[in-house]
Amino acid sequence: MSGPTIQELLDRNERLSTWFRPAKFFSEISTPRSPKILMVSCLDPRSQPEEIFGLQFAEALSFRNLGGRVASVHDDIVGLDSLLRFEHVIIIHHTDCALLHYTSDQVREGVRKLPGVTAEEAESLVLPNFSSLEDSVREDMEHLKKSKVIRPELKEAIKGFVFDIKTGLIKQVE
């Protein structure tokens, strides 16, 4: 099954405009509601934090990337926290993640085959990789807790979970 075309997405957006409720600009909000929970999770569509936790608008912010790894969003976390002062950081990895099936070397090999890409360019890619979900969550929690630019109180509020895509349940990782 192929996904929608760009034109189909544009058509969907056109339909959205018939019922879309405009958001307010910051200048129009008297008391802005800032989310106090920040989540980092995989971009896999089977693992969406908004669905996993039944989130409503502005209850949390989410970073989604390959494997839900924190290293690539570390600076963004620090920057946002300096403005919003989060109370919790939640890291979510999920069962059957593609990173459990492919190694960084396999990805680099595919990149090396692209026209005009040198071996050095392919090797320079910083790609997440892991063989254990629980260990990867622990590594990510530790990465943030060791950071010198994350507030001590936020470090204490970092939690990690594994989401089971078959049951819909999450399990906390200590």
Foldseek 3Di string as FASTA:
>chain_A
DDDDDPVVVVVVVVVCVVPDDDDDDPVPDPDDQAAQEEEFEAPPPLDDPCVLPVDDPRNYHYDHYQQSACPVCVVVVLVVCVPRVHQAYEGEGEPPRVLLVDPLVRVLVVVCPDPPDHNVNSVPDDDDHDNDSLVRQVVRLVVNLPDPRDDNSHNVRYWYWYAYSVPSDIDTRD
